[in-house]
PDB file of all heavy atoms in Angstrom:
ATOM      1  N   GLN A   1    -121.486 -94.834 148.113  1.00  0.00           N
ATOM      2  CA  GLN A   1    -121.187 -94.065 146.848  1.00  0.00           C
ATOM      3  C   GLN A   1    -119.974 -93.251 147.046  1.00  0.00           C
ATOM      4  O   GLN A   1    -119.592 -92.685 148.114  1.00  0.00           O
ATOM      5  CB  GLN A   1    -122.404 -93.061 146.686  1.00  0.00           C
ATOM      6  CG  GLN A   1    -122.326 -92.336 145.384  1.00  0.00           C
ATOM      7  CD  GLN A   1    -123.611 -91.478 145.094  1.00  0.00           C
ATOM      8  OE1 GLN A   1    -124.637 -91.836 145.710  1.00  0.00           O
ATOM      9  NE2 GLN A   1    -123.523 -90.544 144.195  1.00  0.00           N
ATOM     10  N   GLN A   2    -119.138 -93.247 145.895  1.00  0.00           N
ATOM     11  CA  GLN A   2    -117.940 -92.413 145.937  1.00  0.00           C
ATOM     12  C   GLN A   2    -118.104 -90.939 145.666  1.00  0.00           C
ATOM     13  O   GLN A   2    -118.957 -90.598 144.782  1.00  0.00           O
ATOM     14  CB  GLN A   2    -116.890 -92.917 144.862  1.00  0.00           C
ATOM     15  CG  GLN A   2    -115.489 -92.286 144.823  1.00  0.00           C
ATOM     16  CD  GLN A   2    -114.634 -92.884 145.924  1.00  0.00           C
ATOM     17  OE1 GLN A   2    -114.777 -94.051 146.286  1.00  0.00           O
ATOM     18  NE2 GLN A   2    -113.749 -92.038 146.381  1.00  0.00           N
ATOM     19  N   VAL A   3    -117.465 -90.077 146.520  1.00  0.00           N
ATOM     20  CA  VAL A   3    -117.651 -88.646 146.251  1.00  0.00           C
ATOM     21  C   VAL A   3    -116.255 -87.991 146.251  1.00  0.00           C
ATOM     22  O   VAL A   3    -115.213 -88.676 146.694  1.00  0.00           O
ATOM     23  CB  VAL A   3    -118.472 -87.955 147.235  1.00  0.00           C
ATOM     24  CG1 VAL A   3    -119.915 -88.477 147.407  1.00  0.00           C
ATOM     25  CG2 VAL A   3    -117.853 -88.071 148.765  1.00  0.00           C
ATOM     26  N   ARG A   4    -116.150 -86.794 145.725  1.00  0.00           N
ATOM     27  CA  ARG A   4    -114.850 -86.141 145.656  1.00  0.00           C
ATOM     28  C   ARG A   4    -114.990 -84.894 146.407  1.00  0.00           C
ATOM     29  O   ARG A   4    -116.084 -84.302 146.625  1.00  0.00           O
ATOM     30  CB  ARG A   4    -114.436 -85.869 144.196  1.00  0.00           C
ATOM     31  CG  ARG A   4    -115.300 -84.851 143.395  1.00  0.00           C
ATOM     32  CD  ARG A   4    -115.015 -84.666 142.040  1.00  0.00           C
ATOM     33  NE  ARG A   4    -115.848 -83.666 141.348  1.00  0.00           N
ATOM     34  CZ  ARG A   4    -117.202 -83.968 140.782  1.00  0.00           C
ATOM     35  NH1 ARG A   4    -117.447 -85.061 140.936  1.00  0.00           N
ATOM     36  NH2 ARG A   4    -117.745 -82.922 140.287  1.00  0.00           N
ATOM     37  N   ALA A   5    -113.806 -84.253 146.817  1.00  0.00           N
ATOM     38  CA  ALA A   5    -113.780 -83.028 147.636  1.00  0.00           C
ATOM     39  C   ALA A   5    -114.395 -81.949 146.869  1.00  0.00           C
ATOM     40  O   ALA A   5    -114.123 -81.782 145.644  1.00  0.00           O
ATOM     41  CB  ALA A   5    -112.381 -82.811 148.132  1.00  0.00           C
ATOM     42  N   GLY A   6    -115.340 -81.177 147.469  1.00  0.00           N
ATOM     43  CA  GLY A   6    -115.969 -80.050 146.934  1.00  0.00           C
ATOM     44  C   GLY A   6    -117.258 -80.498 146.105  1.00  0.00           C
ATOM     45  O   GLY A   6    -117.936 -79.598 145.511  1.00  0.00           O
ATOM     46  N   GLN A   7    -117.565 -81.737 146.019  1.00  0.00           N
ATOM     47  CA  GLN A   7    -118.770 -82.229 145.173  1.00  0.00           C
ATOM     48  C   GLN A   7    -119.991 -81.729 145.954  1.00  0.00           C
ATOM     49  O   GLN A   7    -120.078 -81.776 147.095  1.00  0.00           O
ATOM     50  CB  GLN A   7    -118.763 -83.702 145.022  1.00  0.00           C
ATOM     51  CG  GLN A   7    -119.971 -84.264 144.309  1.00  0.00           C
ATOM     52  CD  GLN A   7    -119.811 -85.757 144.028  1.00  0.00           C
ATOM     53  OE1 GLN A   7    -118.834 -86.326 144.034  1.00  0.00           O
ATOM     54  NE2 GLN A   7    -120.986 -86.359 143.848  1.00  0.00           N
ATOM     55  N   ALA A   8    -121.056 -81.311 145.202  1.00  0.00           N
ATOM     56  CA  ALA A   8    -122.349 -80.874 145.833  1.00  0.00           C
ATOM     57  C   ALA A   8    -123.050 -82.117 146.349  1.00  0.00           C
ATOM     58  O   ALA A   8    -123.121 -83.222 145.823  1.00  0.00           O
ATOM     59  CB  ALA A   8    -123.180 -80.218 144.866  1.00  0.00           C
ATOM     60  N   LEU A   9    -123.380 -82.020 147.723  1.00  0.00           N
ATOM     61  CA  LEU A   9    -124.052 -83.196 148.368  1.00  0.00           C
ATOM     62  C   LEU A   9    -125.618 -82.905 148.507  1.00  0.00           C
ATOM     63  O   LEU A   9    -126.324 -83.912 148.555  1.00  0.00           O
ATOM     64  CB  LEU A   9    -123.406 -83.422 149.743  1.00  0.00           C
ATOM     65  CG  LEU A   9    -121.987 -83.716 149.784  1.00  0.00           C
ATOM     66  CD1 LEU A   9    -121.486 -83.914 151.192  1.00  0.00           C
ATOM     67  CD2 LEU A   9    -121.583 -84.980 148.934  1.00  0.00           C
ATOM     68  N   GLY A  10    -125.985 -81.751 148.644  1.00  0.00           N
ATOM     69  CA  GLY A  10    -127.312 -81.392 148.891  1.00  0.00           C
ATOM     70  C   GLY A  10    -127.651 -79.966 148.900  1.00  0.00           C
ATOM     71  O   GLY A  10    -126.668 -79.122 148.815  1.00  0.00           O
ATOM     72  N   GLY A  11    -128.883 -79.619 149.024  1.00  0.00           N
ATOM     73  CA  GLY A  11    -129.282 -78.141 149.138  1.00  0.00           C
ATOM     74  C   GLY A  11    -130.148 -77.900 150.158  1.00  0.00           C
ATOM     75  O   GLY A  11    -131.083 -78.667 150.484  1.00  0.00           O
ATOM     76  N   VAL A  12    -129.937 -76.900 151.010  1.00  0.00           N
ATOM     77  CA  VAL A  12    -130.677 -76.602 152.314  1.00  0.00           C
ATOM     78  C   VAL A  12    -131.365 -75.204 152.019  1.00  0.00           C
ATOM     79  O   VAL A  12    -130.774 -74.267 151.572  1.00  0.00           O
ATOM     80  CB  VAL A  12    -129.707 -76.556 153.504  1.00  0.00           C
ATOM     81  CG1 VAL A  12    -130.488 -76.094 154.695  1.00  0.00           C
ATOM     82  CG2 VAL A  12    -129.186 -77.944 153.680  1.00  0.00           C
ATOM     83  N   PHE A  13    -132.626 -75.190 152.416  1.00  0.00           N
ATOM     84  CA  PHE A  13    -133.309 -73.864 152.653  1.00  0.00           C
ATOM     85  C   PHE A  13    -133.406 -73.483 153.988  1.00  0.00           C
ATOM     86  O   PHE A  13    -133.822 -74.205 154.907  1.00  0.00           O
ATOM     87  CB  PHE A  13    -134.802 -73.903 152.083  1.00  0.00           C
ATOM     88  CG  PHE A  13    -135.571 -72.661 152.343  1.00  0.00           C
ATOM     89  CD1 PHE A  13    -135.416 -71.532 151.646  1.00  0.00           C
ATOM     90  CD2 PHE A  13    -136.465 -72.607 153.356  1.00  0.00           C
ATOM     91  CE1 PHE A  13    -136.048 -70.370 151.960  1.00  0.00           C
ATOM     92  CE2 PHE A  13    -137.128 -71.411 153.622  1.00  0.00           C
ATOM     93  CZ  PHE A  13    -136.852 -70.332 152.916  1.00  0.00           C
ATOM     94  N   SER A  14    -132.854 -72.188 154.337  1.00  0.00           N
ATOM     95  CA  SER A  14    -132.923 -71.637 155.593  1.00  0.00           C
ATOM     96  C   SER A  14    -133.391 -70.288 155.623  1.00  0.00           C
ATOM     97  O   SER A  14    -132.867 -69.396 154.920  1.00  0.00           O
ATOM     98  CB  SER A  14    -131.445 -71.738 156.234  1.00  0.00           C
ATOM     99  OG  SER A  14    -131.399 -71.009 157.529  1.00  0.00           O
ATOM    100  N   GLN A  15    -134.386 -70.036 156.494  1.00  0.00           N
ATOM    101  CA  GLN A  15    -134.980 -68.576 156.609  1.00  0.00           C
ATOM    102  C   GLN A  15    -133.920 -67.635 156.993  1.00  0.00           C
ATOM    103  O   GLN A  15    -133.796 -66.546 156.520  1.00  0.00           O
ATOM    104  CB  GLN A  15    -136.183 -68.526 157.454  1.00  0.00           C
ATOM    105  CG  GLN A  15    -136.785 -67.318 157.459  1.00  0.00           C
ATOM    106  CD  GLN A  15    -137.430 -66.825 156.159  1.00  0.00           C
ATOM    107  OE1 GLN A  15    -138.067 -67.660 155.441  1.00  0.00           O
ATOM    108  NE2 GLN A  15    -137.131 -65.606 155.628  1.00  0.00           N
ATOM    109  N   GLU A  16    -133.086 -68.077 158.015  1.00  0.00           N
ATOM    110  CA  GLU A  16    -132.083 -67.294 158.524  1.00  0.00           C
ATOM    111  C   GLU A  16    -131.010 -66.978 157.468  1.00  0.00           C
ATOM    112  O   GLU A  16    -130.710 -65.721 157.351  1.00  0.00           O
ATOM    113  CB  GLU A  16    -131.379 -67.899 159.793  1.00  0.00           C
ATOM    114  CG  GLU A  16    -130.220 -67.150 160.326  1.00  0.00           C
ATOM    115  CD  GLU A  16    -129.476 -67.924 161.371  1.00  0.00           C
ATOM    116  OE1 GLU A  16    -129.806 -69.024 161.593  1.00  0.00           O
ATOM    117  OE2 GLU A  16    -128.636 -67.324 161.973  1.00  0.00           O
ATOM    118  N   LEU A  17    -130.575 -67.872 156.714  1.00  0.00           N
ATOM    119  CA  LEU A  17    -129.649 -67.650 155.632  1.00  0.00           C
ATOM    120  C   LEU A  17    -130.233 -66.789 154.475  1.00  0.00           C
ATOM    121  O   LEU A  17    -129.474 -66.009 153.903  1.00  0.00           O
ATOM    122  CB  LEU A  17    -129.066 -68.936 155.105  1.00  0.00           C
ATOM    123  CG  LEU A  17    -127.848 -69.068 154.147  1.00  0.00           C
ATOM    124  CD1 LEU A  17    -126.746 -68.083 154.891  1.00  0.00           C
ATOM    125  CD2 LEU A  17    -127.310 -70.372 154.019  1.00  0.00           C
ATOM    126  N   TYR A  18    -131.474 -67.091 154.221  1.00  0.00           N
ATOM    127  CA  TYR A  18    -132.146 -66.318 153.124  1.00  0.00           C
ATOM    128  C   TYR A  18    -132.126 -64.779 153.557  1.00  0.00           C
ATOM    129  O   TYR A  18    -131.861 -63.886 152.630  1.00  0.00           O
ATOM    130  CB  TYR A  18    -133.614 -66.789 152.984  1.00  0.00           C
ATOM    131  CG  TYR A  18    -134.261 -66.246 151.644  1.00  0.00           C
ATOM    132  CD1 TYR A  18    -134.018 -66.958 150.446  1.00  0.00           C
ATOM    133  CD2 TYR A  18    -135.075 -65.156 151.798  1.00  0.00           C
ATOM    134  CE1 TYR A  18    -134.705 -66.544 149.310  1.00  0.00           C
ATOM    135  CE2 TYR A  18    -135.792 -64.739 150.568  1.00  0.00           C
ATOM    136  CZ  TYR A  18    -135.513 -65.424 149.459  1.00  0.00           C
ATOM    137  OH  TYR A  18    -136.107 -64.850 148.273  1.00  0.00           O
ATOM    138  N   SER A  19    -132.467 -64.523 154.713  1.00  0.00           N
ATOM    139  CA  SER A  19    -132.581 -63.133 155.223  1.00  0.00           C
ATOM    140  C   SER A  19    -131.201 -62.475 155.186  1.00  0.00           C
ATOM    141  O   SER A  19    -130.978 -61.331 154.888  1.00  0.00           O
ATOM    142  CB  SER A  19    -133.106 -62.926 156.639  1.00  0.00           C
ATOM    143  OG  SER A  19    -134.588 -63.465 156.632  1.00  0.00           O
ATOM    144  N   SER A  20    -130.131 -63.195 155.640  1.00  0.00           N
ATOM    145  CA  SER A  20    -128.815 -62.661 155.654  1.00  0.00           C
ATOM    146  C   SER A  20    -128.302 -62.408 154.287  1.00  0.00           C
ATOM    147  O   SER A  20    -127.525 -61.438 154.149  1.00  0.00           O
ATOM    148  CB  SER A  20    -127.884 -63.754 156.234  1.00  0.00           C
ATOM    149  OG  SER A  20    -128.313 -64.011 157.686  1.00  0.00           O
ATOM    150  N   GLN A  21    -128.649 -63.175 153.269  1.00  0.00           N
ATOM    151  CA  GLN A  21    -128.369 -62.832 151.862  1.00  0.00           C
ATOM    152  C   GLN A  21    -128.915 -61.546 151.456  1.00  0.00           C
ATOM    153  O   GLN A  21    -128.245 -60.777 150.741  1.00  0.00           O
ATOM    154  CB  GLN A  21    -128.789 -63.988 150.953  1.00  0.00           C
ATOM    155  CG  GLN A  21    -128.009 -65.315 151.148  1.00  0.00           C
ATOM    156  CD  GLN A  21    -128.466 -66.387 150.188  1.00  0.00           C
ATOM    157  OE1 GLN A  21    -128.174 -66.332 148.893  1.00  0.00           O
ATOM    158  NE2 GLN A  21    -129.230 -67.364 150.648  1.00  0.00           N
ATOM    159  N   SER A  22    -130.171 -61.211 151.887  1.00  0.00           N
ATOM    160  CA  SER A  22    -130.909 -60.053 151.451  1.00  0.00           C
ATOM    161  C   SER A  22    -130.162 -58.868 152.021  1.00  0.00           C
ATOM    162  O   SER A  22    -130.034 -57.806 151.517  1.00  0.00           O
ATOM    163  CB  SER A  22    -132.352 -60.160 151.886  1.00  0.00           C
ATOM    164  OG  SER A  22    -133.035 -61.159 151.252  1.00  0.00           O
ATOM    165  N   GLU A  23    -129.812 -59.014 153.343  1.00  0.00           N
ATOM    166  CA  GLU A  23    -129.084 -57.873 153.981  1.00  0.00           C
ATOM    167  C   GLU A  23    -127.812 -57.635 153.222  1.00  0.00           C
ATOM    168  O   GLU A  23    -127.340 -56.445 153.078  1.00  0.00           O
ATOM    169  CB  GLU A  23    -128.898 -58.274 155.470  1.00  0.00           C
ATOM    170  CG  GLU A  23    -130.152 -58.331 156.372  1.00  0.00           C
ATOM    171  CD  GLU A  23    -129.960 -58.824 157.723  1.00  0.00           C
ATOM    172  OE1 GLU A  23    -128.640 -58.975 158.022  1.00  0.00           O
ATOM    173  OE2 GLU A  23    -130.841 -58.992 158.492  1.00  0.00           O
ATOM    174  N   TYR A  24    -127.102 -58.603 152.953  1.00  0.00           N
ATOM    175  CA  TYR A  24    -125.753 -58.515 152.311  1.00  0.00           C
ATOM    176  C   TYR A  24    -125.958 -57.839 150.892  1.00  0.00           C
ATOM    177  O   TYR A  24    -125.166 -56.895 150.559  1.00  0.00           O
ATOM    178  CB  TYR A  24    -125.074 -59.871 152.074  1.00  0.00           C
ATOM    179  CG  TYR A  24    -123.741 -59.720 151.340  1.00  0.00           C
ATOM    180  CD1 TYR A  24    -122.675 -59.233 151.838  1.00  0.00           C
ATOM    181  CD2 TYR A  24    -123.705 -60.105 150.032  1.00  0.00           C
ATOM    182  CE1 TYR A  24    -121.429 -59.028 151.104  1.00  0.00           C
ATOM    183  CE2 TYR A  24    -122.527 -59.938 149.246  1.00  0.00           C
ATOM    184  CZ  TYR A  24    -121.442 -59.462 149.884  1.00  0.00           C
ATOM    185  OH  TYR A  24    -120.274 -59.303 149.085  1.00  0.00           O
ATOM    186  N   LEU A  25    -126.939 -58.308 150.145  1.00  0.00           N
ATOM    187  CA  LEU A  25    -127.134 -57.709 148.908  1.00  0.00           C
ATOM    188  C   LEU A  25    -127.453 -56.173 148.952  1.00  0.00           C
ATOM    189  O   LEU A  25    -127.051 -55.364 148.125  1.00  0.00           O
ATOM    190  CB  LEU A  25    -128.338 -58.439 148.094  1.00  0.00           C
ATOM    191  CG  LEU A  25    -128.261 -58.427 146.597  1.00  0.00           C
ATOM    192  CD1 LEU A  25    -126.969 -58.934 145.995  1.00  0.00           C
ATOM    193  CD2 LEU A  25    -129.435 -59.362 146.114  1.00  0.00           C
ATOM    194  N   SER A  26    -128.318 -55.858 149.986  1.00  0.00           N
ATOM    195  CA  SER A  26    -128.625 -54.449 150.164  1.00  0.00           C
ATOM    196  C   SER A  26    -127.373 -53.568 150.493  1.00  0.00           C
ATOM    197  O   SER A  26    -127.086 -52.479 149.916  1.00  0.00           O
ATOM    198  CB  SER A  26    -129.614 -54.187 151.279  1.00  0.00           C
ATOM    199  OG  SER A  26    -130.876 -54.847 150.775  1.00  0.00           O
ATOM    200  N   ALA A  27    -126.492 -54.087 151.401  1.00  0.00           N
ATOM    201  CA  ALA A  27    -125.272 -53.438 151.662  1.00  0.00           C
ATOM    202  C   ALA A  27    -124.389 -53.292 150.571  1.00  0.00           C
ATOM    203  O   ALA A  27    -123.598 -52.393 150.444  1.00  0.00           O
ATOM    204  CB  ALA A  27    -124.657 -54.197 152.928  1.00  0.00           C
TER     205      ALA A  27
END
């Protein structure tokens, strides 16, 4: 399949990244 630079390839759920977003939003 042909893709272009910056195209969305997939979505990942990560507990570590989820918690880091919450910390950033509070700050």
